[in-house]
Amino acid sequence: MSDTVLQYKTMLDASGFASGAQQINSQLGMMGIQTSAANANLGGLGTIIGTLANPLTAVALGITAVGGALVSSVQSAAAWESAMVGVAKTSGLSGSALDSLSQGLLKMSTEMPVAADQLAAVAAAAGSLGIGQNLADIGDFSGQSAAIQEFTEVAIKMGVGFEMSAEQATTAGAKILNAFGKDMNSENLEKLGSVVNTMGDSFAATEPQVLDFLNRASFLNATMGQSIPQVAALGTTLISTGMEAEVASTGI
């Protein structure tokens, strides 16, 4: 008895929905707005309602949806595993240290507006730059993993804040730190980013322009002993007058 009542209610609900939809379409038609459902006299909608009313069809649709989600999940996992292989190649990390970095990057992808594969690409670049290599040399692979993760986070923040790709920010930052004789680590990269950010916020020069000038005029450190903030301030002043970074550095 309960099954019969349930089936009756289900059919009544579907019929009510169809009737209501037809009334809405009728009102829309009176306003000069026609829909495909109205033109077809709910033929398509009736088919859909009939299909969904069939429990076997509903189960099949559910299985299809779950199957599609599983396929997508497997593909994503495979792509991530491939990305981490690249990180392993450049950094030399493996085992628990690599797993820790992987989990850290995945967590970071939920907290920052950057896709996980981009994070892996920056981490791979950090590995090729030798970030944390001094720790790896003494067998502290967990420390190396943490160093790469921290460097990746700072590079991503620079990329987002400076409206450039994280890979570009990483490359520019690494070149500048190296030219000024600074250790390649997240602390020095963050200090560089802070200087560049201050220049970009205070003067008529963009952060990428300041980075470009710092890279081109890094010789001022060796010839005149000027620091990163000093060179950045000089470059920003010249760029603010309308000069291009290349022209300004060449003129100096």
C-alpha atoms as a PDB file:
ATOM      1  CA  MET A   1       0.000   0.000   0.000  1.00  0.00           C
ATOM      2  CA  SER A   2       2.765   2.383   0.919  1.00  0.00           C
ATOM      3  CA  ASP A   3       4.519   1.642  -2.375  1.00  0.00           C
ATOM      4  CA  THR A   4       1.368   2.468  -4.307  1.00  0.00           C
ATOM      5  CA  VAL A   5       0.908   5.769  -2.500  1.00  0.00           C
ATOM      6  CA  LEU A   6       4.559   6.684  -3.058  1.00  0.00           C
ATOM      7  CA  GLN A   7       4.276   5.944  -6.775  1.00  0.00           C
ATOM      8  CA  TYR A   8       1.065   7.960  -6.997  1.00  0.00           C
ATOM      9  CA  LYS A   9       2.699  10.959  -5.322  1.00  0.00           C
ATOM     10  CA  THR A  10       5.685  10.751  -7.585  1.00  0.00           C
ATOM     11  CA  MET A  11       3.506  10.751 -10.691  1.00  0.00           C
ATOM     12  CA  LEU A  12       1.415  13.606  -9.285  1.00  0.00           C
ATOM     13  CA  ASP A  13       4.534  15.678  -8.604  1.00  0.00           C
ATOM     14  CA  ALA A  14       5.798  15.141 -12.130  1.00  0.00           C
ATOM     15  CA  SER A  15       2.458  16.050 -13.594  1.00  0.00           C
ATOM     16  CA  GLY A  16       2.251  19.129 -11.395  1.00  0.00           C
ATOM     17  CA  PHE A  17       5.717  20.194 -12.471  1.00  0.00           C
ATOM     18  CA  ALA A  18       4.807  19.782 -16.135  1.00  0.00           C
ATOM     19  CA  SER A  19       1.582  21.730 -15.663  1.00  0.00           C
ATOM     20  CA  GLY A  20       3.375  24.505 -13.834  1.00  0.00           C
ATOM     21  CA  ALA A  21       6.077  24.688 -16.469  1.00  0.00           C
ATOM     22  CA  GLN A  22       3.459  24.881 -19.188  1.00  0.00           C
ATOM     23  CA  GLN A  23       1.725  27.763 -17.405  1.00  0.00           C
ATOM     24  CA  ILE A  24       5.039  29.614 -17.106  1.00  0.00           C
ATOM     25  CA  ASN A  25       5.745  29.089 -20.790  1.00  0.00           C
ATOM     26  CA  SER A  26       2.261  30.348 -21.599  1.00  0.00           C
ATOM     27  CA  GLN A  27       2.856  33.540 -19.612  1.00  0.00           C
ATOM     28  CA  LEU A  28       6.229  34.010 -21.295  1.00  0.00           C
ATOM     29  CA  GLY A  29       4.537  33.594 -24.665  1.00  0.00           C
ATOM     30  CA  MET A  30       2.044  36.319 -23.811  1.00  0.00           C
ATOM     31  CA  MET A  31       4.997  38.627 -23.147  1.00  0.00           C
ATOM     32  CA  GLY A  32       6.463  37.820 -26.531  1.00  0.00           C
ATOM     33  CA  ILE A  33       9.076  35.427 -25.136  1.00  0.00           C
ATOM     34  CA  GLN A  34       9.017  31.939 -26.563  1.00  0.00           C
ATOM     35  CA  THR A  35      10.976  28.970 -25.271  1.00  0.00           C
ATOM     36  CA  SER A  36      11.813  25.708 -26.944  1.00  0.00           C
ATOM     37  CA  ALA A  37       9.704  23.868 -24.387  1.00  0.00           C
ATOM     38  CA  ALA A  38       6.665  26.049 -25.192  1.00  0.00           C
ATOM     39  CA  ASN A  39       7.058  25.573 -28.937  1.00  0.00           C
ATOM     40  CA  ALA A  40       7.313  21.834 -28.508  1.00  0.00           C
ATOM     41  CA  ASN A  41       4.286  21.706 -26.213  1.00  0.00           C
ATOM     42  CA  LEU A  42       6.503  20.241 -23.526  1.00  0.00           C
ATOM     43  CA  GLY A  43       7.296  17.268 -25.683  1.00  0.00           C
ATOM     44  CA  GLY A  44      10.945  17.342 -24.733  1.00  0.00           C
ATOM     45  CA  LEU A  45      10.172  18.148 -21.123  1.00  0.00           C
ATOM     46  CA  GLY A  46       7.657  15.336 -20.963  1.00  0.00           C
ATOM     47  CA  THR A  47      10.309  12.935 -22.226  1.00  0.00           C
ATOM     48  CA  ILE A  48      12.760  14.158 -19.600  1.00  0.00           C
ATOM     49  CA  ILE A  49      10.182  13.849 -16.830  1.00  0.00           C
ATOM     50  CA  GLY A  50       9.270  10.362 -17.979  1.00  0.00           C
ATOM     51  CA  THR A  51      12.902   9.355 -18.078  1.00  0.00           C
ATOM     52  CA  LEU A  52      13.668  10.669 -14.612  1.00  0.00           C
ATOM     53  CA  ALA A  53      10.544   9.048 -13.230  1.00  0.00           C
ATOM     54  CA  ASN A  54      11.988   5.663 -14.170  1.00  0.00           C
ATOM     55  CA  PRO A  55      14.009   4.446 -11.151  1.00  0.00           C
ATOM     56  CA  LEU A  56      16.200   2.233 -13.328  1.00  0.00           C
ATOM     57  CA  THR A  57      17.121   5.227 -15.462  1.00  0.00           C
ATOM     58  CA  ALA A  58      17.863   7.274 -12.362  1.00  0.00           C
ATOM     59  CA  VAL A  59      20.202   4.570 -11.101  1.00  0.00           C
ATOM     60  CA  ALA A  60      21.914   4.422 -14.494  1.00  0.00           C
ATOM     61  CA  LEU A  61      22.373   8.186 -14.521  1.00  0.00           C
ATOM     62  CA  GLY A  62      23.827   8.018 -11.024  1.00  0.00           C
ATOM     63  CA  ILE A  63      26.296   5.324 -12.034  1.00  0.00           C
ATOM     64  CA  THR A  64      27.316   7.337 -15.090  1.00  0.00           C
ATOM     65  CA  ALA A  65      27.928  10.439 -12.972  1.00  0.00           C
ATOM     66  CA  VAL A  66      29.977   8.534 -10.412  1.00  0.00           C
ATOM     67  CA  GLY A  67      31.930   6.793 -13.161  1.00  0.00           C
ATOM     68  CA  GLY A  68      32.729  10.111 -14.824  1.00  0.00           C
ATOM     69  CA  ALA A  69      33.894  11.559 -11.513  1.00  0.00           C
ATOM     70  CA  LEU A  70      36.127   8.555 -10.908  1.00  0.00           C
ATOM     71  CA  VAL A  71      37.693   8.815 -14.367  1.00  0.00           C
ATOM     72  CA  SER A  72      38.333  12.527 -13.855  1.00  0.00           C
ATOM     73  CA  SER A  73      39.827  11.845 -10.429  1.00  0.00           C
ATOM     74  CA  VAL A  74      42.146   9.157 -11.781  1.00  0.00           C
ATOM     75  CA  GLN A  75      43.287  11.427 -14.624  1.00  0.00           C
ATOM     76  CA  SER A  76      43.981  14.281 -12.191  1.00  0.00           C
ATOM     77  CA  ALA A  77      45.937  11.984  -9.897  1.00  0.00           C
ATOM     78  CA  ALA A  78      48.016  10.720 -12.819  1.00  0.00           C
ATOM     79  CA  ALA A  79      48.743  14.264 -13.992  1.00  0.00           C
ATOM     80  CA  TRP A  80      49.803  15.293 -10.488  1.00  0.00           C
ATOM     81  CA  GLU A  81      52.030  12.249 -10.128  1.00  0.00           C
ATOM     82  CA  SER A  82      53.690  13.149 -13.431  1.00  0.00           C
ATOM     83  CA  ALA A  83      54.210  16.746 -12.232  1.00  0.00           C
ATOM     84  CA  MET A  84      55.848  15.521  -9.021  1.00  0.00           C
ATOM     85  CA  VAL A  85      58.173  13.299 -11.051  1.00  0.00           C
ATOM     86  CA  GLY A  86      59.488  16.507 -12.572  1.00  0.00           C
ATOM     87  CA  VAL A  87      60.020  17.962  -9.096  1.00  0.00           C
ATOM     88  CA  ALA A  88      61.849  14.812  -8.038  1.00  0.00           C
ATOM     89  CA  LYS A  89      64.175  15.036 -11.040  1.00  0.00           C
ATOM     90  CA  THR A  90      65.292  18.598 -10.354  1.00  0.00           C
ATOM     91  CA  SER A  91      65.425  18.387  -6.566  1.00  0.00           C
ATOM     92  CA  GLY A  92      66.545  14.814  -6.010  1.00  0.00           C
ATOM     93  CA  LEU A  93      63.809  14.324  -3.436  1.00  0.00           C
ATOM     94  CA  SER A  94      62.170  10.953  -2.962  1.00  0.00           C
ATOM     95  CA  GLY A  95      60.197   8.922  -0.455  1.00  0.00           C
ATOM     96  CA  SER A  96      58.629  10.652   2.531  1.00  0.00           C
ATOM     97  CA  ALA A  97      60.352  13.984   1.779  1.00  0.00           C
ATOM     98  CA  LEU A  98      58.797  14.096  -1.697  1.00  0.00           C
ATOM     99  CA  ASP A  99      55.429  13.004  -0.311  1.00  0.00           C
ATOM    100  CA  SER A 100      55.578  15.789   2.267  1.00  0.00           C
ATOM    101  CA  LEU A 101      56.276  18.361  -0.442  1.00  0.00           C
ATOM    102  CA  SER A 102      53.469  16.946  -2.572  1.00  0.00           C
ATOM    103  CA  GLN A 103      50.950  17.263   0.257  1.00  0.00           C
ATOM    104  CA  GLY A 104      52.174  20.762   1.077  1.00  0.00           C
ATOM    105  CA  LEU A 105      51.766  21.926  -2.509  1.00  0.00           C
ATOM    106  CA  LEU A 106      48.285  20.415  -2.774  1.00  0.00           C
ATOM    107  CA  LYS A 107      47.260  22.184   0.420  1.00  0.00           C
ATOM    108  CA  MET A 108      48.732  25.421  -0.925  1.00  0.00           C
ATOM    109  CA  SER A 109      46.626  25.072  -4.073  1.00  0.00           C
ATOM    110  CA  THR A 110      43.473  25.288  -1.913  1.00  0.00           C
ATOM    111  CA  GLU A 111      44.671  28.471  -0.222  1.00  0.00           C
ATOM    112  CA  MET A 112      46.079  30.447  -3.157  1.00  0.00           C
ATOM    113  CA  PRO A 113      44.599  31.396  -6.565  1.00  0.00           C
ATOM    114  CA  VAL A 114      47.012  29.143  -8.442  1.00  0.00           C
ATOM    115  CA  ALA A 115      46.495  25.702  -9.957  1.00  0.00           C
ATOM    116  CA  ALA A 116      48.359  22.779  -8.418  1.00  0.00           C
ATOM    117  CA  ASP A 117      50.280  22.028 -11.622  1.00  0.00           C
ATOM    118  CA  GLN A 118      51.664  25.585 -11.617  1.00  0.00           C
ATOM    119  CA  LEU A 119      52.837  25.105  -8.048  1.00  0.00           C
ATOM    120  CA  ALA A 120      54.607  21.922  -9.106  1.00  0.00           C
ATOM    121  CA  ALA A 121      56.254  23.765 -12.004  1.00  0.00           C
ATOM    122  CA  VAL A 122      57.610  26.435  -9.644  1.00  0.00           C
ATOM    123  CA  ALA A 123      58.773  23.772  -7.187  1.00  0.00           C
ATOM    124  CA  ALA A 124      60.604  22.030 -10.031  1.00  0.00           C
ATOM    125  CA  ALA A 125      62.245  25.343 -10.955  1.00  0.00           C
ATOM    126  CA  ALA A 126      63.226  25.813  -7.310  1.00  0.00           C
ATOM    127  CA  GLY A 127      64.831  22.387  -7.361  1.00  0.00           C
ATOM    128  CA  SER A 128      66.839  23.239 -10.470  1.00  0.00           C
ATOM    129  CA  LEU A 129      68.007  26.460  -8.764  1.00  0.00           C
ATOM    130  CA  GLY A 130      69.382  24.414  -5.898  1.00  0.00           C
ATOM    131  CA  ILE A 131      66.961  25.617  -3.246  1.00  0.00           C
ATOM    132  CA  GLY A 132      67.617  23.645  -0.076  1.00  0.00           C
ATOM    133  CA  GLN A 133      70.563  21.826  -1.616  1.00  0.00           C
ATOM    134  CA  ASN A 134      72.754  22.753   1.350  1.00  0.00           C
ATOM    135  CA  LEU A 135      70.331  20.852   3.564  1.00  0.00           C
ATOM    136  CA  ALA A 136      70.273  17.877   1.198  1.00  0.00           C
ATOM    137  CA  ASP A 137      74.062  17.769   1.322  1.00  0.00           C
ATOM    138  CA  ILE A 138      73.925  16.991   5.030  1.00  0.00           C
ATOM    139  CA  GLY A 139      71.102  14.492   4.637  1.00  0.00           C
ATOM    140  CA  ASP A 140      68.289  16.766   5.820  1.00  0.00           C
ATOM    141  CA  PHE A 141      65.856  15.984   3.023  1.00  0.00           C
ATOM    142  CA  SER A 142      62.851  17.013   5.105  1.00  0.00           C
ATOM    143  CA  GLY A 143      64.465  20.420   5.495  1.00  0.00           C
ATOM    144  CA  GLN A 144      65.109  20.575   1.755  1.00  0.00           C
ATOM    145  CA  SER A 145      61.461  19.738   1.098  1.00  0.00           C
ATOM    146  CA  ALA A 146      60.330  22.527   3.450  1.00  0.00           C
ATOM    147  CA  ALA A 147      62.757  24.994   1.851  1.00  0.00           C
ATOM    148  CA  ILE A 148      61.412  24.282  -1.634  1.00  0.00           C
ATOM    149  CA  GLN A 149      57.841  24.648  -0.417  1.00  0.00           C
ATOM    150  CA  GLU A 150      58.587  27.992   1.272  1.00  0.00           C
ATOM    151  CA  PHE A 151      60.429  29.279  -1.804  1.00  0.00           C
ATOM    152  CA  THR A 152      57.523  28.202  -4.020  1.00  0.00           C
ATOM    153  CA  GLU A 153      55.021  30.028  -1.823  1.00  0.00           C
ATOM    154  CA  VAL A 154      57.014  33.291  -1.919  1.00  0.00           C
ATOM    155  CA  ALA A 155      57.467  33.021  -5.706  1.00  0.00           C
ATOM    156  CA  ILE A 156      53.736  32.442  -6.183  1.00  0.00           C
ATOM    157  CA  LYS A 157      52.891  35.481  -4.035  1.00  0.00           C
ATOM    158  CA  MET A 158      55.311  37.597  -6.060  1.00  0.00           C
ATOM    159  CA  GLY A 159      53.782  36.390  -9.315  1.00  0.00           C
ATOM    160  CA  VAL A 160      50.243  37.146  -8.163  1.00  0.00           C
ATOM    161  CA  GLY A 161      51.146  40.505  -6.620  1.00  0.00           C
ATOM    162  CA  PHE A 162      53.272  41.635  -9.557  1.00  0.00           C
ATOM    163  CA  GLU A 163      50.804  40.377 -12.192  1.00  0.00           C
ATOM    164  CA  MET A 164      53.327  38.105 -13.842  1.00  0.00           C
ATOM    165  CA  SER A 165      53.733  34.357 -13.995  1.00  0.00           C
ATOM    166  CA  ALA A 166      55.285  32.688 -10.964  1.00  0.00           C
ATOM    167  CA  GLU A 167      57.914  31.124 -13.233  1.00  0.00           C
ATOM    168  CA  GLN A 168      58.932  34.596 -14.468  1.00  0.00           C
ATOM    169  CA  ALA A 169      59.072  35.901 -10.901  1.00  0.00           C
ATOM    170  CA  THR A 170      61.182  32.903  -9.870  1.00  0.00           C
ATOM    171  CA  THR A 171      63.646  33.327 -12.736  1.00  0.00           C
ATOM    172  CA  ALA A 172      63.972  37.103 -12.290  1.00  0.00           C
ATOM    173  CA  GLY A 173      64.349  36.788  -8.531  1.00  0.00           C
ATOM    174  CA  ALA A 174      66.987  34.066  -8.834  1.00  0.00           C
ATOM    175  CA  LYS A 175      69.063  36.080 -11.325  1.00  0.00           C
ATOM    176  CA  ILE A 176      68.980  39.192  -9.167  1.00  0.00           C
ATOM    177  CA  LEU A 177      69.854  37.391  -5.933  1.00  0.00           C
ATOM    178  CA  ASN A 178      72.727  35.642  -7.674  1.00  0.00           C
ATOM    179  CA  ALA A 179      74.006  38.906  -9.218  1.00  0.00           C
ATOM    180  CA  PHE A 180      73.970  40.643  -5.848  1.00  0.00           C
ATOM    181  CA  GLY A 181      75.704  37.735  -4.132  1.00  0.00           C
ATOM    182  CA  LYS A 182      72.724  36.728  -2.030  1.00  0.00           C
ATOM    183  CA  ASP A 183      71.921  33.178  -0.968  1.00  0.00           C
ATOM    184  CA  MET A 184      69.108  31.621  -2.952  1.00  0.00           C
ATOM    185  CA  ASN A 185      66.416  31.043  -0.333  1.00  0.00           C
ATOM    186  CA  SER A 186      62.858  32.069   0.492  1.00  0.00           C
ATOM    187  CA  GLU A 187      63.955  34.707   3.035  1.00  0.00           C
ATOM    188  CA  ASN A 188      66.074  36.652   0.540  1.00  0.00           C
ATOM    189  CA  LEU A 189      63.469  36.241  -2.209  1.00  0.00           C
ATOM    190  CA  GLU A 190      60.829  37.651   0.131  1.00  0.00           C
ATOM    191  CA  LYS A 191      63.062  40.646   0.998  1.00  0.00           C
ATOM    192  CA  LEU A 192      63.590  41.285  -2.708  1.00  0.00           C
ATOM    193  CA  GLY A 193      59.859  41.064  -3.311  1.00  0.00           C
ATOM    194  CA  SER A 194      59.164  43.536  -0.517  1.00  0.00           C
ATOM    195  CA  VAL A 195      61.602  46.080  -1.994  1.00  0.00           C
ATOM    196  CA  VAL A 196      60.133  45.739  -5.478  1.00  0.00           C
ATOM    197  CA  ASN A 197      56.583  45.914  -4.138  1.00  0.00           C
ATOM    198  CA  THR A 198      57.368  49.124  -2.236  1.00  0.00           C
ATOM    199  CA  MET A 199      58.842  50.728  -5.372  1.00  0.00           C
ATOM    200  CA  GLY A 200      55.845  49.718  -7.467  1.00  0.00           C
ATOM    201  CA  ASP A 201      53.353  51.052  -4.922  1.00  0.00           C
ATOM    202  CA  SER A 202      55.164  54.340  -4.342  1.00  0.00           C
ATOM    203  CA  PHE A 203      56.221  55.437  -7.830  1.00  0.00           C
ATOM    204  CA  ALA A 204      55.057  55.394 -11.453  1.00  0.00           C
ATOM    205  CA  ALA A 205      56.808  52.124 -12.222  1.00  0.00           C
ATOM    206  CA  THR A 206      55.487  48.592 -12.366  1.00  0.00           C
ATOM    207  CA  GLU A 207      57.040  45.744 -10.419  1.00  0.00           C
ATOM    208  CA  PRO A 208      58.124  43.887 -13.585  1.00  0.00           C
ATOM    209  CA  GLN A 209      59.908  47.070 -14.742  1.00  0.00           C
ATOM    210  CA  VAL A 210      61.742  47.346 -11.419  1.00  0.00           C
ATOM    211  CA  LEU A 211      62.762  43.680 -11.589  1.00  0.00           C
ATOM    212  CA  ASP A 212      63.984  44.197 -15.143  1.00  0.00           C
ATOM    213  CA  PHE A 213      66.087  47.197 -14.112  1.00  0.00           C
ATOM    214  CA  LEU A 214      67.544  45.358 -11.114  1.00  0.00           C
ATOM    215  CA  ASN A 215      68.558  42.512 -13.375  1.00  0.00           C
ATOM    216  CA  ARG A 216      70.135  44.807 -15.982  1.00  0.00           C
ATOM    217  CA  ALA A 217      71.820  47.149 -13.503  1.00  0.00           C
ATOM    218  CA  SER A 218      73.086  44.525 -11.054  1.00  0.00           C
ATOM    219  CA  PHE A 219      76.636  45.532 -12.070  1.00  0.00           C
ATOM    220  CA  LEU A 220      76.209  48.534  -9.747  1.00  0.00           C
ATOM    221  CA  ASN A 221      76.658  46.143  -6.852  1.00  0.00           C
ATOM    222  CA  ALA A 222      80.114  45.099  -8.041  1.00  0.00           C
ATOM    223  CA  THR A 223      81.282  48.465  -9.392  1.00  0.00           C
ATOM    224  CA  MET A 224      79.815  50.804  -6.791  1.00  0.00           C
ATOM    225  CA  GLY A 225      78.837  48.525  -3.939  1.00  0.00           C
ATOM    226  CA  GLN A 226      75.168  49.469  -4.118  1.00  0.00           C
ATOM    227  CA  SER A 227      72.579  47.231  -2.502  1.00  0.00           C
ATOM    228  CA  ILE A 228      69.321  45.912  -3.962  1.00  0.00           C
ATOM    229  CA  PRO A 229      67.191  48.665  -2.331  1.00  0.00           C
ATOM    230  CA  GLN A 230      69.564  51.375  -3.569  1.00  0.00           C
ATOM    231  CA  VAL A 231      69.619  50.114  -7.152  1.00  0.00           C
ATOM    232  CA  ALA A 232      65.860  49.575  -7.083  1.00  0.00           C
ATOM    233  CA  ALA A 233      65.301  53.154  -5.888  1.00  0.00           C
ATOM    234  CA  LEU A 234      67.566  54.555  -8.600  1.00  0.00           C
ATOM    235  CA  GLY A 235      65.888  52.509 -11.321  1.00  0.00           C
ATOM    236  CA  THR A 236      62.397  53.347 -10.132  1.00  0.00           C
ATOM    237  CA  THR A 237      63.213  57.062 -10.180  1.00  0.00           C
ATOM    238  CA  LEU A 238      64.450  56.893 -13.773  1.00  0.00           C
ATOM    239  CA  ILE A 239      61.563  54.711 -14.935  1.00  0.00           C
ATOM    240  CA  SER A 240      59.076  57.114 -13.313  1.00  0.00           C
ATOM    241  CA  THR A 241      60.376  59.869 -15.595  1.00  0.00           C
ATOM    242  CA  GLY A 242      59.337  57.818 -18.607  1.00  0.00           C
ATOM    243  CA  MET A 243      62.523  55.904 -19.361  1.00  0.00           C
ATOM    244  CA  GLU A 244      62.439  52.208 -20.198  1.00  0.00           C
ATOM    245  CA  ALA A 245      64.349  49.896 -17.868  1.00  0.00           C
ATOM    246  CA  GLU A 246      66.762  48.930 -20.645  1.00  0.00           C
ATOM    247  CA  VAL A 247      67.456  52.546 -21.591  1.00  0.00           C
ATOM    248  CA  ALA A 248      67.915  53.570 -17.968  1.00  0.00           C
ATOM    249  CA  SER A 249      70.379  50.791 -17.185  1.00  0.00           C
ATOM    250  CA  THR A 250      72.327  51.385 -20.400  1.00  0.00           C
ATOM    251  CA  GLY A 251      72.519  55.104 -19.671  1.00  0.00           C
ATOM    252  CA  ILE A 252      74.017  54.429 -16.262  1.00  0.00           C
END
